[in-house]
Amino acid sequence: MNINLQIEKLILEGIELSPRQRRQLQAAVETELSRLCTENGLPPSLQNSGTIPKMPANLNITNNSNPSLMGEQIAQSIYGGLSQ
């Protein structure tokens, strides 16, 4: 099964990332979302297609956080929000 999930914009307030760190963050979000969908299945909200205009998340992320770990946390938050 192929899944196409498009995240138009990801806003991290108060976090500054270099272009390299942004790529790491993006790769981590994609990898973790893929893993979660593979292991746990597609969330019900997306099983028949769908659009979610906005999904706020409160995460404990700092400028000192590793971009890969931030990406995993963000993906887990997204998946959790889609699963509700």
N, C-alpha and C. Protein backbone atom coordinates (compact mmCIF):
# COMPACT_ATOMS: atom_id res chain seq x y z
N MET A 1 0.85 -1.17 0.00
CA MET A 1 0.00 0.00 0.00
C MET A 1 0.89 1.23 0.00
N ASN A 2 0.55 2.19 -0.80
CA ASN A 2 1.25 3.47 -0.83
C ASN A 2 0.42 4.52 -0.11
N ILE A 3 1.07 5.30 0.70
CA ILE A 3 0.42 6.38 1.43
C ILE A 3 1.13 7.67 1.05
N ASN A 4 0.37 8.69 0.71
CA ASN A 4 0.93 9.98 0.41
C ASN A 4 0.42 10.96 1.45
N LEU A 5 1.28 11.36 2.35
CA LEU A 5 0.94 12.31 3.40
C LEU A 5 1.73 13.58 3.14
N GLN A 6 1.04 14.68 2.99
CA GLN A 6 1.70 15.94 2.71
C GLN A 6 1.53 16.88 3.89
N ILE A 7 2.63 17.34 4.41
CA ILE A 7 2.62 18.34 5.48
C ILE A 7 3.08 19.63 4.83
N GLU A 8 2.14 20.54 4.68
CA GLU A 8 2.44 21.78 3.97
C GLU A 8 3.41 22.66 4.74
N LYS A 9 3.19 22.75 6.05
CA LYS A 9 4.01 23.66 6.85
C LYS A 9 4.17 23.10 8.25
N LEU A 10 5.38 23.15 8.75
CA LEU A 10 5.67 22.75 10.12
C LEU A 10 6.32 23.94 10.80
N ILE A 11 5.64 24.49 11.79
CA ILE A 11 6.13 25.69 12.46
C ILE A 11 6.68 25.31 13.83
N LEU A 12 7.94 25.63 14.06
CA LEU A 12 8.59 25.40 15.35
C LEU A 12 8.95 26.76 15.93
N GLU A 13 8.12 27.25 16.81
CA GLU A 13 8.34 28.57 17.38
C GLU A 13 9.50 28.54 18.38
N GLY A 14 10.40 29.49 18.23
CA GLY A 14 11.52 29.61 19.16
C GLY A 14 12.66 28.64 18.92
N ILE A 15 12.61 27.90 17.82
CA ILE A 15 13.65 26.93 17.49
C ILE A 15 14.35 27.38 16.21
N GLU A 16 15.66 27.49 16.27
CA GLU A 16 16.43 27.86 15.09
C GLU A 16 17.22 26.65 14.63
N LEU A 17 17.05 26.30 13.35
CA LEU A 17 17.74 25.16 12.78
C LEU A 17 18.50 25.59 11.53
N SER A 18 19.67 25.02 11.35
CA SER A 18 20.43 25.25 10.13
C SER A 18 19.76 24.46 9.00
N PRO A 19 20.09 24.76 7.76
CA PRO A 19 19.53 23.98 6.65
C PRO A 19 19.80 22.47 6.81
N ARG A 20 20.97 22.11 7.27
CA ARG A 20 21.31 20.70 7.48
C ARG A 20 20.42 20.08 8.55
N GLN A 21 20.20 20.82 9.64
CA GLN A 21 19.35 20.32 10.72
C GLN A 21 17.90 20.20 10.26
N ARG A 22 17.45 21.11 9.41
CA ARG A 22 16.09 21.02 8.87
C ARG A 22 15.91 19.75 8.05
N ARG A 23 16.92 19.42 7.24
CA ARG A 23 16.85 18.19 6.45
C ARG A 23 16.83 16.96 7.36
N GLN A 24 17.63 16.99 8.43
CA GLN A 24 17.63 15.89 9.39
C GLN A 24 16.26 15.75 10.05
N LEU A 25 15.69 16.87 10.44
CA LEU A 25 14.38 16.87 11.07
C LEU A 25 13.33 16.31 10.11
N GLN A 26 13.34 16.77 8.87
CA GLN A 26 12.38 16.29 7.88
C GLN A 26 12.52 14.79 7.66
N ALA A 27 13.74 14.31 7.53
CA ALA A 27 13.97 12.88 7.32
C ALA A 27 13.47 12.07 8.51
N ALA A 28 13.69 12.58 9.72
CA ALA A 28 13.26 11.87 10.92
C ALA A 28 11.74 11.82 11.02
N VAL A 29 11.07 12.91 10.67
CA VAL A 29 9.60 12.93 10.68
C VAL A 29 9.07 11.90 9.68
N GLU A 30 9.61 11.91 8.48
CA GLU A 30 9.16 10.98 7.45
C GLU A 30 9.40 9.53 7.86
N THR A 31 10.58 9.24 8.39
CA THR A 31 10.92 7.88 8.79
C THR A 31 10.02 7.39 9.92
N GLU A 32 9.82 8.23 10.92
CA GLU A 32 9.01 7.83 12.08
C GLU A 32 7.54 7.68 11.70
N LEU A 33 7.01 8.58 10.88
CA LEU A 33 5.62 8.44 10.45
C LEU A 33 5.44 7.16 9.63
N SER A 34 6.39 6.85 8.78
CA SER A 34 6.33 5.61 8.01
C SER A 34 6.34 4.40 8.93
N ARG A 35 7.21 4.43 9.92
CA ARG A 35 7.31 3.32 10.87
C ARG A 35 5.99 3.14 11.63
N LEU A 36 5.45 4.24 12.12
CA LEU A 36 4.21 4.17 12.89
C LEU A 36 3.05 3.65 12.05
N CYS A 37 2.95 4.11 10.81
CA CYS A 37 1.86 3.65 9.93
C CYS A 37 2.04 2.19 9.56
N THR A 38 3.28 1.76 9.39
CA THR A 38 3.55 0.36 9.05
C THR A 38 3.24 -0.55 10.23
N GLU A 39 3.70 -0.17 11.41
CA GLU A 39 3.53 -1.01 12.59
C GLU A 39 2.11 -0.97 13.17
N ASN A 40 1.49 0.20 13.14
CA ASN A 40 0.19 0.38 13.80
C ASN A 40 -0.98 0.55 12.84
N GLY A 41 -0.70 0.66 11.57
CA GLY A 41 -1.75 0.86 10.59
C GLY A 41 -2.05 2.34 10.38
N LEU A 42 -2.77 2.58 9.33
CA LEU A 42 -3.18 3.94 8.99
C LEU A 42 -4.23 4.41 9.97
N PRO A 43 -4.07 5.61 10.52
CA PRO A 43 -5.08 6.12 11.46
C PRO A 43 -6.46 6.20 10.79
N PRO A 44 -7.51 5.95 11.56
CA PRO A 44 -8.88 5.98 11.01
C PRO A 44 -9.22 7.27 10.27
N SER A 45 -8.68 8.38 10.73
CA SER A 45 -8.99 9.67 10.11
C SER A 45 -8.48 9.77 8.68
N LEU A 46 -7.56 8.89 8.28
CA LEU A 46 -7.00 8.94 6.93
C LEU A 46 -7.34 7.72 6.09
N GLN A 47 -8.10 6.80 6.60
CA GLN A 47 -8.37 5.57 5.87
C GLN A 47 -9.19 5.78 4.61
N ASN A 48 -10.03 6.77 4.58
CA ASN A 48 -10.83 7.06 3.39
C ASN A 48 -10.44 8.40 2.78
N SER A 49 -9.18 8.73 2.89
CA SER A 49 -8.67 10.01 2.42
C SER A 49 -9.13 11.09 3.39
N GLY A 50 -8.54 12.23 3.32
CA GLY A 50 -8.97 13.30 4.20
C GLY A 50 -7.97 14.42 4.28
N THR A 51 -8.43 15.52 4.79
CA THR A 51 -7.60 16.70 4.98
C THR A 51 -7.77 17.17 6.41
N ILE A 52 -6.67 17.49 7.03
CA ILE A 52 -6.70 18.04 8.39
C ILE A 52 -6.03 19.41 8.28
N PRO A 53 -6.82 20.47 8.38
CA PRO A 53 -6.29 21.81 8.12
C PRO A 53 -5.22 22.28 9.12
N LYS A 54 -5.33 21.86 10.36
CA LYS A 54 -4.40 22.35 11.36
C LYS A 54 -4.35 21.35 12.50
N MET A 55 -3.15 21.11 13.00
CA MET A 55 -3.00 20.17 14.10
C MET A 55 -1.95 20.73 15.08
N PRO A 56 -2.40 21.42 16.12
CA PRO A 56 -1.44 21.95 17.08
C PRO A 56 -0.87 20.82 17.94
N ALA A 57 0.36 21.02 18.38
CA ALA A 57 1.01 20.04 19.25
C ALA A 57 1.87 20.79 20.26
N ASN A 58 1.87 20.31 21.46
CA ASN A 58 2.73 20.88 22.50
C ASN A 58 3.82 19.88 22.83
N LEU A 59 5.04 20.21 22.44
CA LEU A 59 6.17 19.33 22.67
C LEU A 59 7.22 20.08 23.45
N ASN A 60 8.02 19.36 24.19
CA ASN A 60 9.11 19.96 24.95
C ASN A 60 10.38 19.88 24.11
N ILE A 61 10.54 20.82 23.20
CA ILE A 61 11.68 20.86 22.30
C ILE A 61 12.46 22.15 22.56
N THR A 62 13.77 22.02 22.59
CA THR A 62 14.62 23.20 22.81
C THR A 62 15.63 23.32 21.68
N ASN A 63 16.33 24.43 21.65
CA ASN A 63 17.38 24.62 20.65
C ASN A 63 18.49 23.58 20.80
N ASN A 64 18.60 22.98 21.97
CA ASN A 64 19.64 21.98 22.21
C ASN A 64 19.21 20.58 21.78
N SER A 65 17.96 20.42 21.38
CA SER A 65 17.46 19.10 21.01
C SER A 65 18.08 18.63 19.70
N ASN A 66 18.30 17.34 19.61
CA ASN A 66 18.81 16.71 18.41
C ASN A 66 17.72 16.72 17.34
N PRO A 67 18.00 17.17 16.12
CA PRO A 67 16.97 17.23 15.08
C PRO A 67 16.30 15.88 14.81
N SER A 68 17.05 14.80 14.91
CA SER A 68 16.47 13.48 14.68
C SER A 68 15.47 13.13 15.78
N LEU A 69 15.81 13.44 17.02
CA LEU A 69 14.89 13.18 18.13
C LEU A 69 13.68 14.09 18.05
N MET A 70 13.90 15.35 17.66
CA MET A 70 12.77 16.27 17.48
C MET A 70 11.82 15.73 16.43
N GLY A 71 12.38 15.24 15.32
CA GLY A 71 11.56 14.70 14.24
C GLY A 71 10.73 13.51 14.70
N GLU A 72 11.33 12.64 15.50
CA GLU A 72 10.60 11.49 16.03
C GLU A 72 9.45 11.95 16.92
N GLN A 73 9.73 12.91 17.81
CA GLN A 73 8.69 13.42 18.70
C GLN A 73 7.56 14.07 17.91
N ILE A 74 7.91 14.83 16.91
CA ILE A 74 6.90 15.50 16.09
C ILE A 74 6.05 14.47 15.37
N ALA A 75 6.69 13.46 14.78
CA ALA A 75 5.95 12.42 14.06
C ALA A 75 5.01 11.66 15.00
N GLN A 76 5.48 11.36 16.19
CA GLN A 76 4.64 10.66 17.16
C GLN A 76 3.44 11.52 17.55
N SER A 77 3.67 12.81 17.69
CA SER A 77 2.57 13.73 18.02
C SER A 77 1.57 13.80 16.86
N ILE A 78 2.08 13.87 15.64
CA ILE A 78 1.20 13.91 14.47
C ILE A 78 0.38 12.62 14.39
N TYR A 79 1.03 11.49 14.53
CA TYR A 79 0.34 10.20 14.43
C TYR A 79 -0.71 10.10 15.54
N GLY A 80 -0.33 10.52 16.74
CA GLY A 80 -1.29 10.49 17.85
C GLY A 80 -2.50 11.37 17.59
N GLY A 81 -2.26 12.55 17.01
CA GLY A 81 -3.37 13.44 16.67
C GLY A 81 -4.26 12.87 15.57
N LEU A 82 -3.66 12.17 14.63
CA LEU A 82 -4.44 11.56 13.55
C LEU A 82 -5.23 10.36 14.05
N SER A 83 -4.76 9.74 15.11
CA SER A 83 -5.40 8.52 15.63
C SER A 83 -6.59 8.80 16.53
N GLN A 84 -6.80 10.06 16.86
CA GLN A 84 -7.92 10.40 17.77
C GLN A 84 -9.21 10.54 17.02
